[in-house]
């Protein structure tokens, strides 16, 4: 079941950015607003800063690791027919 929502007093700059995003993504303003809300309100979504911090901690745990191009290609080819 869908619910309607009316937004009032949207700052002009927010409206402009939403309109540009909708045009770039070939969506209506309504659809773009829904996508924006879904993106922000998704449970468990990790903020970019936290994602970077986690990656740095993981890198520290692994220590210095260097993959050569042949290693990378071999890993990519694993499991391929």
PDB file of N, CA and C in Angstrom:
ATOM      1  N   UNK A   1       0.844  -1.172   0.000  1.00  0.00           N
ATOM      2  CA  UNK A   1       0.000   0.000   0.000  1.00  0.00           C
ATOM      3  C   UNK A   1       0.894   1.241   0.000  1.00  0.00           C
ATOM      4  N   UNK A   2       0.645   2.143  -0.877  1.00  0.00           N
ATOM      5  CA  UNK A   2       1.413   3.385  -0.959  1.00  0.00           C
ATOM      6  C   UNK A   2       0.773   4.463  -0.101  1.00  0.00           C
ATOM      7  N   UNK A   3       1.613   5.369   0.356  1.00  0.00           N
ATOM      8  CA  UNK A   3       1.160   6.498   1.157  1.00  0.00           C
ATOM      9  C   UNK A   3       1.631   7.764   0.485  1.00  0.00           C
ATOM     10  N   UNK A   4       0.841   8.795   0.563  1.00  0.00           N
ATOM     11  CA  UNK A   4       1.218  10.087  -0.017  1.00  0.00           C
ATOM     12  C   UNK A   4       1.902  10.943   1.032  1.00  0.00           C
ATOM     13  N   UNK A   5       2.823  11.773   0.564  1.00  0.00           N
ATOM     14  CA  UNK A   5       3.541  12.687   1.438  1.00  0.00           C
ATOM     15  C   UNK A   5       3.682  14.010   0.710  1.00  0.00           C
ATOM     16  N   UNK A   6       3.328  15.084   1.379  1.00  0.00           N
ATOM     17  CA  UNK A   6       3.476  16.418   0.806  1.00  0.00           C
ATOM     18  C   UNK A   6       4.585  17.134   1.552  1.00  0.00           C
ATOM     19  N   UNK A   7       5.541  17.663   0.823  1.00  0.00           N
ATOM     20  CA  UNK A   7       6.644  18.402   1.439  1.00  0.00           C
ATOM     21  C   UNK A   7       6.428  19.890   1.215  1.00  0.00           C
ATOM     22  N   UNK A   8       6.637  20.665   2.267  1.00  0.00           N
ATOM     23  CA  UNK A   8       6.463  22.111   2.175  1.00  0.00           C
ATOM     24  C   UNK A   8       7.770  22.791   2.556  1.00  0.00           C
ATOM     25  N   UNK A   9       7.935  23.999   2.062  1.00  0.00           N
ATOM     26  CA  UNK A   9       9.089  24.837   2.424  1.00  0.00           C
ATOM     27  C   UNK A   9      10.437  24.170   2.113  1.00  0.00           C
ATOM     28  N   UNK A  10      10.508  23.514   0.973  1.00  0.00           N
ATOM     29  CA  UNK A  10      11.769  22.904   0.546  1.00  0.00           C
ATOM     30  C   UNK A  10      12.721  24.025   0.141  1.00  0.00           C
ATOM     31  N   UNK A  11      13.925  24.041   0.684  1.00  0.00           N
ATOM     32  CA  UNK A  11      14.877  25.081   0.279  1.00  0.00           C
ATOM     33  C   UNK A  11      15.143  25.014  -1.232  1.00  0.00           C
ATOM     34  N   UNK A  12      15.258  26.155  -1.842  1.00  0.00           N
ATOM     35  CA  UNK A  12      15.427  26.234  -3.298  1.00  0.00           C
ATOM     36  C   UNK A  12      16.621  25.408  -3.777  1.00  0.00           C
ATOM     37  N   UNK A  13      17.719  25.463  -3.037  1.00  0.00           N
ATOM     38  CA  UNK A  13      18.914  24.712  -3.440  1.00  0.00           C
ATOM     39  C   UNK A  13      18.676  23.207  -3.388  1.00  0.00           C
ATOM     40  N   UNK A  14      17.956  22.729  -2.381  1.00  0.00           N
ATOM     41  CA  UNK A  14      17.631  21.298  -2.289  1.00  0.00           C
ATOM     42  C   UNK A  14      16.745  20.891  -3.454  1.00  0.00           C
ATOM     43  N   UNK A  15      15.753  21.717  -3.752  1.00  0.00           N
ATOM     44  CA  UNK A  15      14.859  21.434  -4.880  1.00  0.00           C
ATOM     45  C   UNK A  15      15.640  21.381  -6.190  1.00  0.00           C
ATOM     46  N   UNK A  16      16.560  22.349  -6.371  1.00  0.00           N
ATOM     47  CA  UNK A  16      17.349  22.404  -7.599  1.00  0.00           C
ATOM     48  C   UNK A  16      18.210  21.148  -7.741  1.00  0.00           C
ATOM     49  N   UNK A  17      18.864  20.736  -6.647  1.00  0.00           N
ATOM     50  CA  UNK A  17      19.719  19.547  -6.706  1.00  0.00           C
ATOM     51  C   UNK A  17      18.900  18.286  -6.955  1.00  0.00           C
ATOM     52  N   UNK A  18      17.722  18.214  -6.360  1.00  0.00           N
ATOM     53  CA  UNK A  18      16.846  17.070  -6.594  1.00  0.00           C
ATOM     54  C   UNK A  18      16.403  17.025  -8.054  1.00  0.00           C
ATOM     55  N   UNK A  19      16.075  18.180  -8.605  1.00  0.00           N
ATOM     56  CA  UNK A  19      15.641  18.250  -9.992  1.00  0.00           C
ATOM     57  C   UNK A  19      16.767  17.836 -10.936  1.00  0.00           C
ATOM     58  N   UNK A  20      17.980  18.309 -10.686  1.00  0.00           N
ATOM     59  CA  UNK A  20      19.136  17.938 -11.515  1.00  0.00           C
ATOM     60  C   UNK A  20      19.385  16.436 -11.421  1.00  0.00           C
ATOM     61  N   UNK A  21      19.346  15.894 -10.205  1.00  0.00           N
ATOM     62  CA  UNK A  21      19.559  14.460 -10.025  1.00  0.00           C
ATOM     63  C   UNK A  21      18.491  13.653 -10.753  1.00  0.00           C
ATOM     64  N   UNK A  22      17.252  14.100 -10.677  1.00  0.00           N
ATOM     65  CA  UNK A  22      16.164  13.400 -11.368  1.00  0.00           C
ATOM     66  C   UNK A  22      16.398  13.391 -12.875  1.00  0.00           C
ATOM     67  N   UNK A  23      16.819  14.517 -13.405  1.00  0.00           N
ATOM     68  CA  UNK A  23      17.086  14.595 -14.846  1.00  0.00           C
ATOM     69  C   UNK A  23      18.248  13.682 -15.229  1.00  0.00           C
ATOM     70  N   UNK A  24      19.310  13.697 -14.431  1.00  0.00           N
ATOM     71  CA  UNK A  24      20.477  12.864 -14.729  1.00  0.00           C
ATOM     72  C   UNK A  24      20.147  11.382 -14.668  1.00  0.00           C
ATOM     73  N   UNK A  25      19.259  11.013 -13.753  1.00  0.00           N
ATOM     74  CA  UNK A  25      18.881   9.608 -13.587  1.00  0.00           C
ATOM     75  C   UNK A  25      17.633   9.227 -14.370  1.00  0.00           C
ATOM     76  N   UNK A  26      17.124  10.182 -15.146  1.00  0.00           N
ATOM     77  CA  UNK A  26      15.930   9.963 -15.968  1.00  0.00           C
ATOM     78  C   UNK A  26      14.754   9.467 -15.129  1.00  0.00           C
ATOM     79  N   UNK A  27      14.543  10.190 -14.023  1.00  0.00           N
ATOM     80  CA  UNK A  27      13.424   9.872 -13.133  1.00  0.00           C
ATOM     81  C   UNK A  27      12.572  11.109 -12.951  1.00  0.00           C
ATOM     82  N   UNK A  28      11.356  10.895 -12.491  1.00  0.00           N
ATOM     83  CA  UNK A  28      10.514  12.022 -12.097  1.00  0.00           C
ATOM     84  C   UNK A  28      11.038  12.557 -10.766  1.00  0.00           C
ATOM     85  N   UNK A  29      10.623  13.777 -10.425  1.00  0.00           N
ATOM     86  CA  UNK A  29      11.005  14.328  -9.121  1.00  0.00           C
ATOM     87  C   UNK A  29      10.533  13.413  -7.993  1.00  0.00           C
ATOM     88  N   UNK A  30       9.331  12.917  -8.108  1.00  0.00           N
ATOM     89  CA  UNK A  30       8.778  12.035  -7.095  1.00  0.00           C
ATOM     90  C   UNK A  30       9.635  10.778  -6.940  1.00  0.00           C
ATOM     91  N   UNK A  31       9.970  10.136  -8.054  1.00  0.00           N
ATOM     92  CA  UNK A  31      10.772   8.912  -7.994  1.00  0.00           C
ATOM     93  C   UNK A  31      12.154   9.187  -7.421  1.00  0.00           C
ATOM     94  N   UNK A  32      12.751  10.305  -7.812  1.00  0.00           N
ATOM     95  CA  UNK A  32      14.078  10.653  -7.301  1.00  0.00           C
ATOM     96  C   UNK A  32      14.026  10.901  -5.803  1.00  0.00           C
ATOM     97  N   UNK A  33      12.979  11.580  -5.330  1.00  0.00           N
ATOM     98  CA  UNK A  33      12.831  11.834  -3.894  1.00  0.00           C
ATOM     99  C   UNK A  33      12.694  10.514  -3.134  1.00  0.00           C
ATOM    100  N   UNK A  34      11.944   9.564  -3.683  1.00  0.00           N
ATOM    101  CA  UNK A  34      11.778   8.261  -3.043  1.00  0.00           C
ATOM    102  C   UNK A  34      13.116   7.532  -2.974  1.00  0.00           C
ATOM    103  N   UNK A  35      13.877   7.548  -4.063  1.00  0.00           N
ATOM    104  CA  UNK A  35      15.187   6.893  -4.082  1.00  0.00           C
ATOM    105  C   UNK A  35      16.109   7.532  -3.041  1.00  0.00           C
ATOM    106  N   UNK A  36      16.101   8.852  -2.957  1.00  0.00           N
ATOM    107  CA  UNK A  36      16.925   9.553  -1.969  1.00  0.00           C
ATOM    108  C   UNK A  36      16.545   9.148  -0.553  1.00  0.00           C
ATOM    109  N   UNK A  37      15.253   9.111  -0.271  1.00  0.00           N
ATOM    110  CA  UNK A  37      14.795   8.723   1.061  1.00  0.00           C
ATOM    111  C   UNK A  37      15.170   7.274   1.369  1.00  0.00           C
ATOM    112  N   UNK A  38      14.974   6.379   0.411  1.00  0.00           N
ATOM    113  CA  UNK A  38      15.327   4.973   0.623  1.00  0.00           C
ATOM    114  C   UNK A  38      16.819   4.826   0.895  1.00  0.00           C
ATOM    115  N   UNK A  39      17.635   5.559   0.167  1.00  0.00           N
ATOM    116  CA  UNK A  39      19.081   5.478   0.330  1.00  0.00           C
ATOM    117  C   UNK A  39      19.504   5.927   1.723  1.00  0.00           C
ATOM    118  N   UNK A  40      18.942   7.023   2.180  1.00  0.00           N
ATOM    119  CA  UNK A  40      19.314   7.578   3.482  1.00  0.00           C
ATOM    120  C   UNK A  40      18.769   6.741   4.629  1.00  0.00           C
ATOM    121  N   UNK A  41      17.593   6.176   4.455  1.00  0.00           N
ATOM    122  CA  UNK A  41      16.921   5.501   5.560  1.00  0.00           C
ATOM    123  C   UNK A  41      17.126   3.993   5.601  1.00  0.00           C
ATOM    124  N   UNK A  42      17.922   3.432   4.707  1.00  0.00           N
ATOM    125  CA  UNK A  42      18.160   1.996   4.713  1.00  0.00           C
ATOM    126  C   UNK A  42      18.819   1.585   6.020  1.00  0.00           C
ATOM    127  N   UNK A  43      18.274   0.567   6.666  1.00  0.00           N
ATOM    128  CA  UNK A  43      18.899   0.111   7.910  1.00  0.00           C
ATOM    129  C   UNK A  43      20.251  -0.527   7.633  1.00  0.00           C
ATOM    130  N   UNK A  44      21.195  -0.269   8.506  1.00  0.00           N
ATOM    131  CA  UNK A  44      22.495  -0.897   8.385  1.00  0.00           C
ATOM    132  C   UNK A  44      23.433  -0.256   7.384  1.00  0.00           C
ATOM    133  N   UNK A  45      23.034   0.816   6.779  1.00  0.00           N
ATOM    134  CA  UNK A  45      23.912   1.468   5.815  1.00  0.00           C
ATOM    135  C   UNK A  45      25.088   2.088   6.557  1.00  0.00           C
ATOM    136  N   UNK A  46      26.283   1.876   6.023  1.00  0.00           N
ATOM    137  CA  UNK A  46      27.493   2.358   6.668  1.00  0.00           C
ATOM    138  C   UNK A  46      27.915   3.672   6.021  1.00  0.00           C
ATOM    139  N   UNK A  47      28.196   4.654   6.853  1.00  0.00           N
ATOM    140  CA  UNK A  47      28.656   5.952   6.354  1.00  0.00           C
ATOM    141  C   UNK A  47      30.020   5.782   5.689  1.00  0.00           C
ATOM    142  N   UNK A  48      30.311   6.578   4.653  1.00  0.00           N
ATOM    143  CA  UNK A  48      31.594   6.445   3.955  1.00  0.00           C
ATOM    144  C   UNK A  48      32.806   6.533   4.881  1.00  0.00           C
ATOM    145  N   UNK A  49      32.780   7.439   5.842  1.00  0.00           N
ATOM    146  CA  UNK A  49      33.909   7.562   6.761  1.00  0.00           C
ATOM    147  C   UNK A  49      34.137   6.304   7.578  1.00  0.00           C
ATOM    148  N   UNK A  50      33.045   5.675   8.016  1.00  0.00           N
ATOM    149  CA  UNK A  50      33.155   4.431   8.770  1.00  0.00           C
ATOM    150  C   UNK A  50      33.665   3.303   7.878  1.00  0.00           C
ATOM    151  N   UNK A  51      33.212   3.267   6.630  1.00  0.00           N
ATOM    152  CA  UNK A  51      33.672   2.233   5.696  1.00  0.00           C
ATOM    153  C   UNK A  51      35.183   2.360   5.486  1.00  0.00           C
ATOM    154  N   UNK A  52      35.661   3.584   5.333  1.00  0.00           N
ATOM    155  CA  UNK A  52      37.101   3.815   5.147  1.00  0.00           C
ATOM    156  C   UNK A  52      37.870   3.393   6.393  1.00  0.00           C
ATOM    157  N   UNK A  53      37.348   3.750   7.568  1.00  0.00           N
ATOM    158  CA  UNK A  53      38.012   3.375   8.819  1.00  0.00           C
ATOM    159  C   UNK A  53      38.097   1.855   8.954  1.00  0.00           C
ATOM    160  N   UNK A  54      37.029   1.153   8.599  1.00  0.00           N
ATOM    161  CA  UNK A  54      37.043  -0.313   8.659  1.00  0.00           C
ATOM    162  C   UNK A  54      38.076  -0.888   7.697  1.00  0.00           C
ATOM    163  N   UNK A  55      38.144  -0.324   6.489  1.00  0.00           N
ATOM    164  CA  UNK A  55      39.114  -0.808   5.497  1.00  0.00           C
ATOM    165  C   UNK A  55      40.542  -0.600   5.997  1.00  0.00           C
ATOM    166  N   UNK A  56      40.803   0.541   6.624  1.00  0.00           N
ATOM    167  CA  UNK A  56      42.145   0.809   7.149  1.00  0.00           C
ATOM    168  C   UNK A  56      42.507  -0.158   8.282  1.00  0.00           C
ATOM    169  N   UNK A  57      41.538  -0.441   9.156  1.00  0.00           N
ATOM    170  CA  UNK A  57      41.800  -1.397  10.241  1.00  0.00           C
ATOM    171  C   UNK A  57      42.096  -2.783   9.674  1.00  0.00           C
ATOM    172  N   UNK A  58      41.345  -3.188   8.670  1.00  0.00           N
ATOM    173  CA  UNK A  58      41.563  -4.482   8.038  1.00  0.00           C
ATOM    174  C   UNK A  58      42.942  -4.529   7.377  1.00  0.00           C
ATOM    175  N   UNK A  59      43.305  -3.459   6.695  1.00  0.00           N
ATOM    176  CA  UNK A  59      44.611  -3.397   6.049  1.00  0.00           C
ATOM    177  C   UNK A  59      45.730  -3.518   7.075  1.00  0.00           C
ATOM    178  N   UNK A  60      45.573  -2.856   8.231  1.00  0.00           N
ATOM    179  CA  UNK A  60      46.577  -2.951   9.291  1.00  0.00           C
ATOM    180  C   UNK A  60      46.683  -4.381   9.819  1.00  0.00           C
ATOM    181  N   UNK A  61      45.551  -5.069   9.945  1.00  0.00           N
ATOM    182  CA  UNK A  61      45.563  -6.446  10.436  1.00  0.00           C
ATOM    183  C   UNK A  61      46.279  -7.375   9.468  1.00  0.00           C
ATOM    184  N   UNK A  62      46.140  -7.123   8.172  1.00  0.00           N
ATOM    185  CA  UNK A  62      46.752  -7.988   7.164  1.00  0.00           C
ATOM    186  C   UNK A  62      48.242  -7.752   7.019  1.00  0.00           C
ATOM    187  N   UNK A  63      48.694  -6.578   7.373  1.00  0.00           N
ATOM    188  CA  UNK A  63      50.103  -6.249   7.204  1.00  0.00           C
ATOM    189  C   UNK A  63      50.394  -5.931   5.743  1.00  0.00           C
ATOM    190  N   UNK A  64      51.675  -5.807   5.427  1.00  0.00           N
ATOM    191  CA  UNK A  64      52.026  -5.443   4.045  1.00  0.00           C
ATOM    192  C   UNK A  64      51.738  -6.602   3.084  1.00  0.00           C
ATOM    193  N   UNK A  65      50.832  -6.388   2.187  1.00  0.00           N
ATOM    194  CA  UNK A  65      50.466  -7.393   1.188  1.00  0.00           C
ATOM    195  C   UNK A  65      50.593  -6.752  -0.181  1.00  0.00           C
ATOM    196  N   UNK A  66      51.279  -7.441  -1.061  1.00  0.00           N
ATOM    197  CA  UNK A  66      51.423  -6.920  -2.420  1.00  0.00           C
ATOM    198  C   UNK A  66      51.065  -8.031  -3.389  1.00  0.00           C
ATOM    199  N   UNK A  67      50.126  -7.753  -4.260  1.00  0.00           N
ATOM    200  CA  UNK A  67      49.726  -8.706  -5.278  1.00  0.00           C
ATOM    201  C   UNK A  67      50.333  -8.281  -6.605  1.00  0.00           C
ATOM    202  N   UNK A  68      50.933  -9.228  -7.269  1.00  0.00           N
ATOM    203  CA  UNK A  68      51.484  -8.989  -8.602  1.00  0.00           C
ATOM    204  C   UNK A  68      50.371  -9.167  -9.629  1.00  0.00           C
ATOM    205  N   UNK A  69      50.516  -8.561 -10.811  1.00  0.00           N
ATOM    206  CA  UNK A  69      49.467  -8.688 -11.833  1.00  0.00           C
ATOM    207  C   UNK A  69      49.099 -10.139 -12.148  1.00  0.00           C
ATOM    208  N   UNK A  70      50.084 -11.039 -12.185  1.00  0.00           N
ATOM    209  CA  UNK A  70      49.784 -12.448 -12.471  1.00  0.00           C
ATOM    210  C   UNK A  70      48.931 -13.060 -11.357  1.00  0.00           C
ATOM    211  N   UNK A  71      49.220 -12.659 -10.092  1.00  0.00           N
ATOM    212  CA  UNK A  71      48.411 -13.145  -8.969  1.00  0.00           C
ATOM    213  C   UNK A  71      46.971 -12.668  -9.104  1.00  0.00           C
ATOM    214  N   UNK A  72      46.803 -11.420  -9.431  1.00  0.00           N
ATOM    215  CA  UNK A  72      45.467 -10.839  -9.568  1.00  0.00           C
ATOM    216  C   UNK A  72      44.691 -11.553 -10.660  1.00  0.00           C
ATOM    217  N   UNK A  73      45.326 -11.783 -11.806  1.00  0.00           N
ATOM    218  CA  UNK A  73      44.655 -12.483 -12.912  1.00  0.00           C
ATOM    219  C   UNK A  73      44.300 -13.903 -12.525  1.00  0.00           C
ATOM    220  N   UNK A  74      45.174 -14.576 -11.798  1.00  0.00           N
ATOM    221  CA  UNK A  74      44.890 -15.956 -11.358  1.00  0.00           C
ATOM    222  C   UNK A  74      43.689 -15.981 -10.417  1.00  0.00           C
ATOM    223  N   UNK A  75      43.635 -15.031  -9.478  1.00  0.00           N
ATOM    224  CA  UNK A  75      42.484 -14.959  -8.573  1.00  0.00           C
ATOM    225  C   UNK A  75      41.193 -14.676  -9.333  1.00  0.00           C
ATOM    226  N   UNK A  76      41.269 -13.784 -10.324  1.00  0.00           N
ATOM    227  CA  UNK A  76      40.067 -13.471 -11.105  1.00  0.00           C
ATOM    228  C   UNK A  76      39.597 -14.679 -11.896  1.00  0.00           C
ATOM    229  N   UNK A  77      40.537 -15.509 -12.362  1.00  0.00           N
ATOM    230  CA  UNK A  77      40.191 -16.662 -13.199  1.00  0.00           C
ATOM    231  C   UNK A  77      39.731 -17.875 -12.397  1.00  0.00           C
ATOM    232  N   UNK A  78      39.963 -17.848 -11.083  1.00  0.00           N
ATOM    233  CA  UNK A  78      39.545 -18.986 -10.260  1.00  0.00           C
ATOM    234  C   UNK A  78      38.041 -19.181 -10.359  1.00  0.00           C
ATOM    235  N   UNK A  79      37.652 -20.417 -10.586  1.00  0.00           N
ATOM    236  CA  UNK A  79      36.236 -20.733 -10.635  1.00  0.00           C
ATOM    237  C   UNK A  79      35.571 -20.430 -11.964  1.00  0.00           C
ATOM    238  N   UNK A  80      36.338 -19.938 -12.910  1.00  0.00           N
ATOM    239  CA  UNK A  80      35.762 -19.704 -14.240  1.00  0.00           C
ATOM    240  C   UNK A  80      35.980 -20.928 -15.102  1.00  0.00           C
ATOM    241  N   UNK A  81      35.006 -21.249 -15.951  1.00  0.00           N
ATOM    242  CA  UNK A  81      35.156 -22.436 -16.832  1.00  0.00           C
ATOM    243  C   UNK A  81      36.207 -22.211 -17.903  1.00  0.00           C
TER     244      UNK A  81
END
